[in-house]
Amino acid sequence: MQEFEGLAFAGGGLLRAAEHRGDPQTLKALSEKGRVMPIWRGKPLFRNPDHLAFVAISSPVLAQGGPLIFLGLDPNLSADAAAVFACDISDWSPEAGAEGTEAGFLDPMVQGHPALPEGQGFSDLRNALQGLSPLESEMAATAKALVHWHRSHRFCATCGAESAPAMGGWQRNCPDCGAQHFPRTDPVVIMLVTRGDRLLMGRSPGWPEGMYSCLAGFMEPGETIQSAVRREVAEETGVQVGRVRVLANQPWPFPASLMLGCLAEAESEAIAIDPAEIEDALWIDRAAMVEVLDGRHPWIKAPRRGAIAQSLIECWVADRLE
């Protein structure tokens, strides 16, 4: 695979320390000197737009929080202070009238908390795709995905009983039937579909005005990556794809996906969109895409920096795809 620079969430050296997950006494000792990342309704805590904020386990911010989730160890800190945890505090309700959900493409609201210093607040992780350090980015992606999994998988898929967190938050066990459940990651193909000097772009309903991106879709059971690319492109646009190459991958915690970046060679040009899948699709040539990336295109906006689509497109424009 090709290494792309600047991808958000693409690994920052977090030491996962899985050997500690099954040892409650060790986890308790680590939490007493470690740091906790509160997550409120899908939003991590920030101390400014470019840095995460953490609290101690004794912080009143965690008073209505759920069980701690052990993320791992910060390689830059001493052993006794390196532990990093996450905690879902979504049951906390701010003052009347303030709302926050994980719905919508991008939530611009920053929600404060009375127990936090001024300048700290809960913010949509999409607002910080480029600002966070690689390590903070990995920690935030891991925390957000795990918190979402616990909230959406509270009940046993085998018997329906309420399950309980285990293994430092990396497992849920059913007390009734004994089933064990583990966090899931959904593979998504995202493809740079080219034909000669042109690139196929699409937009989904509800996206911000002027936003177009690479086509993408979830893989289905029994599919190879290449088959998923061909199927998704055909379903969304009617364009037929031949050769497919896998170029890169990126964790994408919205809510818990792994983006598989591919280069796909189109064998047809006619576009026939499925309105149930996408709102629009078009071919754009390299010169026009340069204008898009520079912010000079009259109506198409540049892709978000930090997302794999932006890296794929930039490398295609610069003819740097391996």
C-alpha atoms as a PDB file:
ATOM      1  CA  MET A   1       0.000   0.000   0.000  1.00  0.00           C
ATOM      2  CA  GLN A   2       1.022   3.589  -0.565  1.00  0.00           C
ATOM      3  CA  GLU A   3       1.803   5.777   2.450  1.00  0.00           C
ATOM      4  CA  PHE A   4      -0.133   9.055   2.395  1.00  0.00           C
ATOM      5  CA  GLU A   5       0.973  11.934   4.596  1.00  0.00           C
ATOM      6  CA  GLY A   6      -1.505  13.995   6.575  1.00  0.00           C
ATOM      7  CA  LEU A   7      -4.249  11.381   6.976  1.00  0.00           C
ATOM      8  CA  ALA A   8      -6.262  11.960  10.123  1.00  0.00           C
ATOM      9  CA  PHE A   9      -6.589   9.022  12.544  1.00  0.00           C
ATOM     10  CA  ALA A  10      -3.991   7.021  10.609  1.00  0.00           C
ATOM     11  CA  GLY A  11      -1.883   5.932  13.569  1.00  0.00           C
ATOM     12  CA  GLY A  12       0.052   7.899  16.139  1.00  0.00           C
ATOM     13  CA  GLY A  13       1.896   5.279  18.137  1.00  0.00           C
ATOM     14  CA  LEU A  14      -0.625   4.640  20.920  1.00  0.00           C
ATOM     15  CA  LEU A  15       0.494   1.601  22.918  1.00  0.00           C
ATOM     16  CA  ARG A  16      -2.687  -0.454  23.179  1.00  0.00           C
ATOM     17  CA  ALA A  17      -1.310  -2.617  26.019  1.00  0.00           C
ATOM     18  CA  ALA A  18      -3.932  -5.313  25.526  1.00  0.00           C
ATOM     19  CA  GLU A  19      -2.256  -7.408  28.228  1.00  0.00           C
ATOM     20  CA  HIS A  20      -3.763  -5.064  30.865  1.00  0.00           C
ATOM     21  CA  ARG A  21      -7.383  -5.276  29.666  1.00  0.00           C
ATOM     22  CA  GLY A  22      -8.250  -8.419  31.606  1.00  0.00           C
ATOM     23  CA  ASP A  23      -6.689  -7.279  34.899  1.00  0.00           C
ATOM     24  CA  PRO A  24      -9.124  -5.048  36.848  1.00  0.00           C
ATOM     25  CA  GLN A  25      -6.621  -4.326  39.619  1.00  0.00           C
ATOM     26  CA  THR A  26      -3.995  -3.095  37.154  1.00  0.00           C
ATOM     27  CA  LEU A  27      -6.565  -0.971  35.329  1.00  0.00           C
ATOM     28  CA  LYS A  28      -7.706   0.591  38.593  1.00  0.00           C
ATOM     29  CA  ALA A  29      -4.120   1.447  39.534  1.00  0.00           C
ATOM     30  CA  LEU A  30      -3.466   2.902  36.082  1.00  0.00           C
ATOM     31  CA  SER A  31      -6.629   5.022  36.177  1.00  0.00           C
ATOM     32  CA  GLU A  32      -5.686   6.649  39.480  1.00  0.00           C
ATOM     33  CA  LYS A  33      -2.636   8.319  37.919  1.00  0.00           C
ATOM     34  CA  GLY A  34      -3.696   8.363  34.294  1.00  0.00           C
ATOM     35  CA  ARG A  35      -5.894  10.646  32.176  1.00  0.00           C
ATOM     36  CA  VAL A  36      -9.509  10.323  31.078  1.00  0.00           C
ATOM     37  CA  MET A  37     -10.979  11.659  27.828  1.00  0.00           C
ATOM     38  CA  PRO A  38     -14.663  12.489  28.400  1.00  0.00           C
ATOM     39  CA  ILE A  39     -16.955  11.931  25.398  1.00  0.00           C
ATOM     40  CA  TRP A  40     -20.293  13.725  25.393  1.00  0.00           C
ATOM     41  CA  ARG A  41     -22.825  12.629  22.792  1.00  0.00           C
ATOM     42  CA  GLY A  42     -20.106  11.626  20.370  1.00  0.00           C
ATOM     43  CA  LYS A  43     -17.941  14.697  20.969  1.00  0.00           C
ATOM     44  CA  PRO A  44     -14.497  14.517  22.620  1.00  0.00           C
ATOM     45  CA  LEU A  45     -13.343  17.214  25.008  1.00  0.00           C
ATOM     46  CA  PHE A  46     -11.058  19.897  23.527  1.00  0.00           C
ATOM     47  CA  ARG A  47      -9.004  22.609  25.210  1.00  0.00           C
ATOM     48  CA  ASN A  48      -8.696  24.520  21.949  1.00  0.00           C
ATOM     49  CA  PRO A  49      -9.560  23.603  18.353  1.00  0.00           C
ATOM     50  CA  ASP A  50      -6.292  21.719  17.908  1.00  0.00           C
ATOM     51  CA  HIS A  51      -5.785  19.836  21.182  1.00  0.00           C
ATOM     52  CA  LEU A  52      -7.732  17.295  23.178  1.00  0.00           C
ATOM     53  CA  ALA A  53      -8.405  17.860  26.858  1.00  0.00           C
ATOM     54  CA  PHE A  54      -8.322  15.258  29.598  1.00  0.00           C
ATOM     55  CA  VAL A  55      -9.484  15.084  33.205  1.00  0.00           C
ATOM     56  CA  ALA A  56      -8.445  13.103  36.264  1.00  0.00           C
ATOM     57  CA  ILE A  57     -10.567  10.183  37.397  1.00  0.00           C
ATOM     58  CA  SER A  58     -11.694  12.285  40.385  1.00  0.00           C
ATOM     59  CA  SER A  59     -13.089  15.058  38.166  1.00  0.00           C
ATOM     60  CA  PRO A  60     -16.773  15.947  38.716  1.00  0.00           C
ATOM     61  CA  VAL A  61     -17.122  15.925  34.931  1.00  0.00           C
ATOM     62  CA  LEU A  62     -17.229  12.113  35.195  1.00  0.00           C
ATOM     63  CA  ALA A  63     -19.904  12.065  37.900  1.00  0.00           C
ATOM     64  CA  GLN A  64     -22.599  10.878  35.491  1.00  0.00           C
ATOM     65  CA  GLY A  65     -20.208   8.942  33.288  1.00  0.00           C
ATOM     66  CA  GLY A  66     -20.226   5.289  32.377  1.00  0.00           C
ATOM     67  CA  PRO A  67     -17.475   2.720  32.951  1.00  0.00           C
ATOM     68  CA  LEU A  68     -13.946   3.681  31.965  1.00  0.00           C
ATOM     69  CA  ILE A  69     -12.625   2.379  28.652  1.00  0.00           C
ATOM     70  CA  PHE A  70      -8.913   1.656  28.594  1.00  0.00           C
ATOM     71  CA  LEU A  71      -7.446   3.116  25.399  1.00  0.00           C
ATOM     72  CA  GLY A  72      -3.798   2.322  26.081  1.00  0.00           C
ATOM     73  CA  LEU A  73      -0.547   4.001  27.085  1.00  0.00           C
ATOM     74  CA  ASP A  74       0.877   7.298  25.890  1.00  0.00           C
ATOM     75  CA  PRO A  75       4.428   6.481  24.692  1.00  0.00           C
ATOM     76  CA  ASN A  76       5.572  10.022  25.502  1.00  0.00           C
ATOM     77  CA  LEU A  77       4.823   9.857  29.227  1.00  0.00           C
ATOM     78  CA  SER A  78       6.398   8.005  32.122  1.00  0.00           C
ATOM     79  CA  ALA A  79       4.934   4.609  32.951  1.00  0.00           C
ATOM     80  CA  ASP A  80       3.042   5.743  36.053  1.00  0.00           C
ATOM     81  CA  ALA A  81       1.188   8.516  34.174  1.00  0.00           C
ATOM     82  CA  ALA A  82       0.910   7.048  30.698  1.00  0.00           C
ATOM     83  CA  ALA A  83      -2.506   5.396  30.910  1.00  0.00           C
ATOM     84  CA  VAL A  84      -5.284   6.940  28.824  1.00  0.00           C
ATOM     85  CA  PHE A  85      -8.970   6.149  29.317  1.00  0.00           C
ATOM     86  CA  ALA A  86     -12.230   7.299  27.764  1.00  0.00           C
ATOM     87  CA  CYS A  87     -15.548   7.814  29.510  1.00  0.00           C
ATOM     88  CA  ASP A  88     -18.994   8.333  28.012  1.00  0.00           C
ATOM     89  CA  ILE A  89     -20.762  11.177  29.860  1.00  0.00           C
ATOM     90  CA  SER A  90     -23.675  11.459  27.429  1.00  0.00           C
ATOM     91  CA  ASP A  91     -26.193  11.109  30.283  1.00  0.00           C
ATOM     92  CA  TRP A  92     -25.131  14.528  31.567  1.00  0.00           C
ATOM     93  CA  SER A  93     -27.620  17.199  30.497  1.00  0.00           C
ATOM     94  CA  PRO A  94     -26.494  20.812  30.091  1.00  0.00           C
ATOM     95  CA  GLU A  95     -28.662  23.819  30.819  1.00  0.00           C
ATOM     96  CA  ALA A  96     -32.150  23.897  29.356  1.00  0.00           C
ATOM     97  CA  GLY A  97     -32.198  24.559  25.633  1.00  0.00           C
ATOM     98  CA  ALA A  98     -28.704  23.256  24.905  1.00  0.00           C
ATOM     99  CA  GLU A  99     -28.701  20.205  22.715  1.00  0.00           C
ATOM    100  CA  GLY A 100     -26.073  17.982  21.184  1.00  0.00           C
ATOM    101  CA  THR A 101     -26.336  14.875  19.068  1.00  0.00           C
ATOM    102  CA  GLU A 102     -24.283  12.874  16.625  1.00  0.00           C
ATOM    103  CA  ALA A 103     -26.730  13.681  13.828  1.00  0.00           C
ATOM    104  CA  GLY A 104     -25.911  15.905  10.882  1.00  0.00           C
ATOM    105  CA  PHE A 105     -22.842  16.218   8.713  1.00  0.00           C
ATOM    106  CA  LEU A 106     -20.945  18.676  10.913  1.00  0.00           C
ATOM    107  CA  ASP A 107     -22.032  20.127  14.237  1.00  0.00           C
ATOM    108  CA  PRO A 108     -20.401  23.519  14.820  1.00  0.00           C
ATOM    109  CA  MET A 109     -21.574  23.809  18.433  1.00  0.00           C
ATOM    110  CA  VAL A 110     -19.030  23.610  21.270  1.00  0.00           C
ATOM    111  CA  GLN A 111     -20.628  22.571  24.550  1.00  0.00           C
ATOM    112  CA  GLY A 112     -19.047  23.665  27.810  1.00  0.00           C
ATOM    113  CA  HIS A 113     -19.417  22.066  31.237  1.00  0.00           C
ATOM    114  CA  PRO A 114     -19.646  23.906  34.590  1.00  0.00           C
ATOM    115  CA  ALA A 115     -16.843  21.792  36.073  1.00  0.00           C
ATOM    116  CA  LEU A 116     -14.410  22.582  33.245  1.00  0.00           C
ATOM    117  CA  PRO A 117     -12.061  25.569  32.866  1.00  0.00           C
ATOM    118  CA  GLU A 118     -13.069  28.328  30.477  1.00  0.00           C
ATOM    119  CA  GLY A 119     -12.005  27.517  26.929  1.00  0.00           C
ATOM    120  CA  GLN A 120     -12.633  23.784  27.185  1.00  0.00           C
ATOM    121  CA  GLY A 121     -15.635  22.171  25.546  1.00  0.00           C
ATOM    122  CA  PHE A 122     -17.030  19.211  23.660  1.00  0.00           C
ATOM    123  CA  SER A 123     -16.702  19.530  19.899  1.00  0.00           C
ATOM    124  CA  ASP A 124     -17.351  17.511  16.749  1.00  0.00           C
ATOM    125  CA  LEU A 125     -14.197  15.563  15.906  1.00  0.00           C
ATOM    126  CA  ARG A 126     -14.616  16.533  12.239  1.00  0.00           C
ATOM    127  CA  ASN A 127     -13.614  20.071  13.242  1.00  0.00           C
ATOM    128  CA  ALA A 128     -10.103  18.841  14.067  1.00  0.00           C
ATOM    129  CA  LEU A 129      -9.171  16.523  11.209  1.00  0.00           C
ATOM    130  CA  GLN A 130      -5.893  18.348  10.616  1.00  0.00           C
ATOM    131  CA  GLY A 131      -5.187  20.109  13.892  1.00  0.00           C
ATOM    132  CA  LEU A 132      -4.657  17.148  16.211  1.00  0.00           C
ATOM    133  CA  SER A 133      -1.307  15.456  16.560  1.00  0.00           C
ATOM    134  CA  PRO A 134      -1.179  11.889  15.167  1.00  0.00           C
ATOM    135  CA  LEU A 135      -1.260  10.460  18.688  1.00  0.00           C
ATOM    136  CA  GLU A 136      -4.208  12.585  19.804  1.00  0.00           C
ATOM    137  CA  SER A 137      -5.957  11.763  16.552  1.00  0.00           C
ATOM    138  CA  GLU A 138      -5.579   8.018  17.153  1.00  0.00           C
ATOM    139  CA  MET A 139      -6.743   8.305  20.760  1.00  0.00           C
ATOM    140  CA  ALA A 140      -9.820  10.329  19.777  1.00  0.00           C
ATOM    141  CA  ALA A 141     -10.752   7.954  16.975  1.00  0.00           C
ATOM    142  CA  THR A 142     -10.415   4.924  19.245  1.00  0.00           C
ATOM    143  CA  ALA A 143     -12.394   6.531  22.056  1.00  0.00           C
ATOM    144  CA  LYS A 144     -15.209   7.768  19.840  1.00  0.00           C
ATOM    145  CA  ALA A 145     -15.627   4.419  18.089  1.00  0.00           C
ATOM    146  CA  LEU A 146     -15.645   2.411  21.332  1.00  0.00           C
ATOM    147  CA  VAL A 147     -18.070   4.746  23.081  1.00  0.00           C
ATOM    148  CA  HIS A 148     -20.435   4.547  20.114  1.00  0.00           C
ATOM    149  CA  TRP A 149     -20.194   0.735  20.112  1.00  0.00           C
ATOM    150  CA  HIS A 150     -21.105   0.476  23.788  1.00  0.00           C
ATOM    151  CA  ARG A 151     -24.103   2.793  23.367  1.00  0.00           C
ATOM    152  CA  SER A 152     -25.411   0.975  20.284  1.00  0.00           C
ATOM    153  CA  HIS A 153     -24.738  -2.604  21.437  1.00  0.00           C
ATOM    154  CA  ARG A 154     -26.059  -2.684  24.991  1.00  0.00           C
ATOM    155  CA  PHE A 155     -28.104  -5.833  24.469  1.00  0.00           C
ATOM    156  CA  CYS A 156     -26.971  -9.329  23.614  1.00  0.00           C
ATOM    157  CA  ALA A 157     -27.527 -10.189  19.949  1.00  0.00           C
ATOM    158  CA  THR A 158     -28.041 -13.833  20.919  1.00  0.00           C
ATOM    159  CA  CYS A 159     -30.691 -13.677  23.638  1.00  0.00           C
ATOM    160  CA  GLY A 160     -31.594  -9.989  24.039  1.00  0.00           C
ATOM    161  CA  ALA A 161     -30.448  -9.587  27.656  1.00  0.00           C
ATOM    162  CA  GLU A 162     -28.511  -6.481  28.634  1.00  0.00           C
ATOM    163  CA  SER A 163     -24.787  -7.189  28.384  1.00  0.00           C
ATOM    164  CA  ALA A 164     -22.002  -5.773  30.544  1.00  0.00           C
ATOM    165  CA  PRO A 165     -18.661  -4.166  29.605  1.00  0.00           C
ATOM    166  CA  ALA A 166     -15.552  -6.284  30.186  1.00  0.00           C
ATOM    167  CA  MET A 167     -11.848  -6.377  29.307  1.00  0.00           C
ATOM    168  CA  GLY A 168     -11.324  -2.677  29.915  1.00  0.00           C
ATOM    169  CA  GLY A 169     -14.159  -1.786  27.557  1.00  0.00           C
ATOM    170  CA  TRP A 170     -13.024  -3.976  24.658  1.00  0.00           C
ATOM    171  CA  GLN A 171     -15.694  -6.615  25.165  1.00  0.00           C
ATOM    172  CA  ARG A 172     -19.288  -7.038  26.351  1.00  0.00           C
ATOM    173  CA  ASN A 173     -20.449 -10.216  28.090  1.00  0.00           C
ATOM    174  CA  CYS A 174     -23.988 -11.489  28.385  1.00  0.00           C
ATOM    175  CA  PRO A 175     -24.850 -12.576  31.952  1.00  0.00           C
ATOM    176  CA  ASP A 176     -27.740 -14.756  30.755  1.00  0.00           C
ATOM    177  CA  CYS A 177     -26.429 -16.866  27.877  1.00  0.00           C
ATOM    178  CA  GLY A 178     -22.679 -16.267  28.264  1.00  0.00           C
ATOM    179  CA  ALA A 179     -22.191 -14.816  24.765  1.00  0.00           C
ATOM    180  CA  GLN A 180     -19.202 -12.538  24.249  1.00  0.00           C
ATOM    181  CA  HIS A 181     -19.385  -9.519  21.961  1.00  0.00           C
ATOM    182  CA  PHE A 182     -16.536  -7.453  20.523  1.00  0.00           C
ATOM    183  CA  PRO A 183     -16.222  -3.997  18.929  1.00  0.00           C
ATOM    184  CA  ARG A 184     -16.843  -3.945  15.196  1.00  0.00           C
ATOM    185  CA  THR A 185     -15.166  -2.032  12.415  1.00  0.00           C
ATOM    186  CA  ASP A 186     -17.060  -1.622   9.146  1.00  0.00           C
ATOM    187  CA  PRO A 187     -14.915  -1.756   5.973  1.00  0.00           C
ATOM    188  CA  VAL A 188     -15.763   0.932   3.419  1.00  0.00           C
ATOM    189  CA  VAL A 189     -14.327   1.165  -0.079  1.00  0.00           C
ATOM    190  CA  ILE A 190     -13.622   4.689  -1.296  1.00  0.00           C
ATOM    191  CA  MET A 191     -12.490   4.917  -4.876  1.00  0.00           C
ATOM    192  CA  LEU A 192     -10.694   7.277  -7.178  1.00  0.00           C
ATOM    193  CA  VAL A 193     -12.507   6.358 -10.406  1.00  0.00           C
ATOM    194  CA  THR A 194     -10.547   7.620 -13.420  1.00  0.00           C
ATOM    195  CA  ARG A 195     -10.917   7.495 -17.182  1.00  0.00           C
ATOM    196  CA  GLY A 196      -8.017   9.067 -19.014  1.00  0.00           C
ATOM    197  CA  ASP A 197      -7.543  12.563 -17.623  1.00  0.00           C
ATOM    198  CA  ARG A 198     -10.867  12.711 -15.823  1.00  0.00           C
ATOM    199  CA  LEU A 199     -12.084  11.802 -12.365  1.00  0.00           C
ATOM    200  CA  LEU A 200     -15.576  10.659 -11.325  1.00  0.00           C
ATOM    201  CA  MET A 201     -16.999  12.609  -8.378  1.00  0.00           C
ATOM    202  CA  GLY A 202     -20.293  12.377  -6.547  1.00  0.00           C
ATOM    203  CA  ARG A 203     -22.257  13.993  -3.745  1.00  0.00           C
ATOM    204  CA  SER A 204     -24.691  12.579  -1.209  1.00  0.00           C
ATOM    205  CA  PRO A 205     -27.946  14.235  -0.158  1.00  0.00           C
ATOM    206  CA  GLY A 206     -27.486  16.499   2.825  1.00  0.00           C
ATOM    207  CA  TRP A 207     -23.867  17.377   2.111  1.00  0.00           C
ATOM    208  CA  PRO A 208     -22.853  21.051   2.317  1.00  0.00           C
ATOM    209  CA  GLU A 209     -23.406  23.038  -0.855  1.00  0.00           C
ATOM    210  CA  GLY A 210     -20.642  22.522  -3.414  1.00  0.00           C
ATOM    211  CA  MET A 211     -19.193  19.447  -1.720  1.00  0.00           C
ATOM    212  CA  TYR A 212     -18.259  16.575  -4.033  1.00  0.00           C
ATOM    213  CA  SER A 213     -15.986  13.659  -3.213  1.00  0.00           C
ATOM    214  CA  CYS A 214     -14.855  10.223  -4.274  1.00  0.00           C
ATOM    215  CA  LEU A 215     -17.543   7.561  -4.457  1.00  0.00           C
ATOM    216  CA  ALA A 216     -17.679   5.257  -1.441  1.00  0.00           C
ATOM    217  CA  GLY A 217     -19.740   2.461   0.036  1.00  0.00           C
ATOM    218  CA  PHE A 218     -19.812  -0.320   2.598  1.00  0.00           C
ATOM    219  CA  MET A 219     -18.483  -3.734   1.708  1.00  0.00           C
ATOM    220  CA  GLU A 220     -20.926  -6.628   1.779  1.00  0.00           C
ATOM    221  CA  PRO A 221     -20.361 -10.108   3.228  1.00  0.00           C
ATOM    222  CA  GLY A 222     -18.484 -12.396   0.858  1.00  0.00           C
ATOM    223  CA  GLU A 223     -17.049  -9.563  -1.254  1.00  0.00           C
ATOM    224  CA  THR A 224     -13.471  -8.799  -2.138  1.00  0.00           C
ATOM    225  CA  ILE A 225     -12.386  -5.171  -2.065  1.00  0.00           C
ATOM    226  CA  GLN A 226     -12.242  -5.123  -5.865  1.00  0.00           C
ATOM    227  CA  SER A 227     -15.758  -6.548  -6.195  1.00  0.00           C
ATOM    228  CA  ALA A 228     -17.125  -4.000  -3.742  1.00  0.00           C
ATOM    229  CA  VAL A 229     -15.571  -1.148  -5.731  1.00  0.00           C
ATOM    230  CA  ARG A 230     -17.099  -2.353  -8.994  1.00  0.00           C
ATOM    231  CA  ARG A 231     -20.509  -2.928  -7.427  1.00  0.00           C
ATOM    232  CA  GLU A 232     -20.686   0.413  -5.611  1.00  0.00           C
ATOM    233  CA  VAL A 233     -19.638   2.459  -8.645  1.00  0.00           C
ATOM    234  CA  ALA A 234     -22.145   0.650 -10.856  1.00  0.00           C
ATOM    235  CA  GLU A 235     -24.954   0.996  -8.309  1.00  0.00           C
ATOM    236  CA  GLU A 236     -24.403   4.690  -7.713  1.00  0.00           C
ATOM    237  CA  THR A 237     -23.526   5.939 -11.199  1.00  0.00           C
ATOM    238  CA  GLY A 238     -23.970   3.146 -13.739  1.00  0.00           C
ATOM    239  CA  VAL A 239     -20.281   3.433 -14.666  1.00  0.00           C
ATOM    240  CA  GLN A 240     -18.512   0.115 -15.240  1.00  0.00           C
ATOM    241  CA  VAL A 241     -15.101  -0.417 -13.622  1.00  0.00           C
ATOM    242  CA  GLY A 242     -12.288  -2.737 -14.697  1.00  0.00           C
ATOM    243  CA  ARG A 243      -8.929  -2.792 -12.948  1.00  0.00           C
ATOM    244  CA  VAL A 244      -8.896  -1.935  -9.230  1.00  0.00           C
ATOM    245  CA  ARG A 245      -5.871  -1.334  -7.014  1.00  0.00           C
ATOM    246  CA  VAL A 246      -5.861  -0.841  -3.249  1.00  0.00           C
ATOM    247  CA  LEU A 247      -3.730   2.208  -2.370  1.00  0.00           C
ATOM    248  CA  ALA A 248      -4.204   3.165   1.275  1.00  0.00           C
ATOM    249  CA  ASN A 249      -6.430   2.860   4.332  1.00  0.00           C
ATOM    250  CA  GLN A 250      -7.694   5.147   7.077  1.00  0.00           C
ATOM    251  CA  PRO A 251      -9.646   4.590  10.291  1.00  0.00           C
ATOM    252  CA  TRP A 252     -12.786   6.730  10.167  1.00  0.00           C
ATOM    253  CA  PRO A 253     -14.657   7.004  13.490  1.00  0.00           C
ATOM    254  CA  PHE A 254     -17.994   8.258  12.095  1.00  0.00           C
ATOM    255  CA  PRO A 255     -18.983   6.043  13.713  1.00  0.00           C
ATOM    256  CA  ALA A 256     -16.501   3.136  13.258  1.00  0.00           C
ATOM    257  CA  SER A 257     -15.257   2.429   9.753  1.00  0.00           C
ATOM    258  CA  LEU A 258     -12.033   1.545   7.992  1.00  0.00           C
ATOM    259  CA  MET A 259     -11.752   3.410   4.693  1.00  0.00           C
ATOM    260  CA  LEU A 260     -10.039   1.380   1.972  1.00  0.00           C
ATOM    261  CA  GLY A 261      -8.725   3.813  -0.623  1.00  0.00           C
ATOM    262  CA  CYS A 262      -8.660   2.390  -4.157  1.00  0.00           C
ATOM    263  CA  LEU A 263      -7.767   3.423  -7.687  1.00  0.00           C
ATOM    264  CA  ALA A 264     -10.377   2.203 -10.167  1.00  0.00           C
ATOM    265  CA  GLU A 265     -10.168   2.390 -13.953  1.00  0.00           C
ATOM    266  CA  ALA A 266     -13.528   3.112 -15.580  1.00  0.00           C
ATOM    267  CA  GLU A 267     -14.494   1.202 -18.727  1.00  0.00           C
ATOM    268  CA  SER A 268     -17.529   3.337 -19.529  1.00  0.00           C
ATOM    269  CA  GLU A 269     -18.477   7.036 -19.266  1.00  0.00           C
ATOM    270  CA  ALA A 270     -22.251   7.381 -19.274  1.00  0.00           C
ATOM    271  CA  ILE A 271     -23.607   8.372 -15.852  1.00  0.00           C
ATOM    272  CA  ALA A 272     -26.997   7.186 -14.644  1.00  0.00           C
ATOM    273  CA  ILE A 273     -27.260   7.977 -10.941  1.00  0.00           C
ATOM    274  CA  ASP A 274     -29.412   6.096  -8.488  1.00  0.00           C
ATOM    275  CA  PRO A 275     -31.161   8.906  -6.544  1.00  0.00           C
ATOM    276  CA  ALA A 276     -31.553   6.551  -3.582  1.00  0.00           C
ATOM    277  CA  GLU A 277     -27.746   6.344  -3.387  1.00  0.00           C
ATOM    278  CA  ILE A 278     -26.397   9.773  -4.413  1.00  0.00           C
ATOM    279  CA  GLU A 279     -27.675  13.192  -5.424  1.00  0.00           C
ATOM    280  CA  ASP A 280     -25.326  13.928  -8.318  1.00  0.00           C
ATOM    281  CA  ALA A 281     -22.213  12.662 -10.108  1.00  0.00           C
ATOM    282  CA  LEU A 282     -19.932  14.184 -12.717  1.00  0.00           C
ATOM    283  CA  TRP A 283     -16.636  13.799 -14.540  1.00  0.00           C
ATOM    284  CA  ILE A 284     -14.034  16.477 -13.831  1.00  0.00           C
ATOM    285  CA  ASP A 285     -10.709  16.879 -15.616  1.00  0.00           C
ATOM    286  CA  ARG A 286      -7.327  17.397 -13.993  1.00  0.00           C
ATOM    287  CA  ALA A 287      -7.122  21.124 -14.746  1.00  0.00           C
ATOM    288  CA  ALA A 288     -10.493  21.787 -13.137  1.00  0.00           C
ATOM    289  CA  MET A 289      -9.539  19.662 -10.131  1.00  0.00           C
ATOM    290  CA  VAL A 290      -6.453  21.840  -9.629  1.00  0.00           C
ATOM    291  CA  GLU A 291      -8.849  24.785  -9.339  1.00  0.00           C
ATOM    292  CA  VAL A 292     -10.941  22.849  -6.819  1.00  0.00           C
ATOM    293  CA  LEU A 293      -7.930  22.058  -4.634  1.00  0.00           C
ATOM    294  CA  ASP A 294      -6.783  25.683  -4.815  1.00  0.00           C
ATOM    295  CA  GLY A 295     -10.240  26.949  -3.850  1.00  0.00           C
ATOM    296  CA  ARG A 296     -10.687  28.683  -7.199  1.00  0.00           C
ATOM    297  CA  HIS A 297     -13.404  26.539  -8.732  1.00  0.00           C
ATOM    298  CA  PRO A 298     -16.652  28.505  -9.200  1.00  0.00           C
ATOM    299  CA  TRP A 299     -18.938  26.000  -7.484  1.00  0.00           C
ATOM    300  CA  ILE A 300     -17.112  22.848  -6.294  1.00  0.00           C
ATOM    301  CA  LYS A 301     -15.467  23.136  -2.885  1.00  0.00           C
ATOM    302  CA  ALA A 302     -12.122  21.593  -1.973  1.00  0.00           C
ATOM    303  CA  PRO A 303     -12.288  18.276  -0.066  1.00  0.00           C
ATOM    304  CA  ARG A 304     -11.625  18.323   3.661  1.00  0.00           C
ATOM    305  CA  ARG A 305      -7.972  18.070   4.558  1.00  0.00           C
ATOM    306  CA  GLY A 306      -7.143  14.975   6.559  1.00  0.00           C
ATOM    307  CA  ALA A 307      -9.704  12.774   4.802  1.00  0.00           C
ATOM    308  CA  ILE A 308      -8.456   9.986   2.539  1.00  0.00           C
ATOM    309  CA  ALA A 309     -10.433  11.394  -0.401  1.00  0.00           C
ATOM    310  CA  GLN A 310      -8.359  14.570  -0.303  1.00  0.00           C
ATOM    311  CA  SER A 311      -5.086  12.606  -0.301  1.00  0.00           C
ATOM    312  CA  LEU A 312      -6.206  10.378  -3.164  1.00  0.00           C
ATOM    313  CA  ILE A 313      -7.262  13.357  -5.270  1.00  0.00           C
ATOM    314  CA  GLU A 314      -4.113  15.372  -4.548  1.00  0.00           C
ATOM    315  CA  CYS A 315      -1.877  12.451  -5.513  1.00  0.00           C
ATOM    316  CA  TRP A 316      -3.854  11.899  -8.713  1.00  0.00           C
ATOM    317  CA  VAL A 317      -3.579  15.567  -9.667  1.00  0.00           C
ATOM    318  CA  ALA A 318       0.184  15.504  -9.010  1.00  0.00           C
ATOM    319  CA  ASP A 319       0.553  12.153 -10.818  1.00  0.00           C
ATOM    320  CA  ARG A 320       2.074  10.596  -7.689  1.00  0.00           C
ATOM    321  CA  LEU A 321      -0.010   7.439  -7.421  1.00  0.00           C
ATOM    322  CA  GLU A 322       2.177   4.355  -7.305  1.00  0.00           C
END
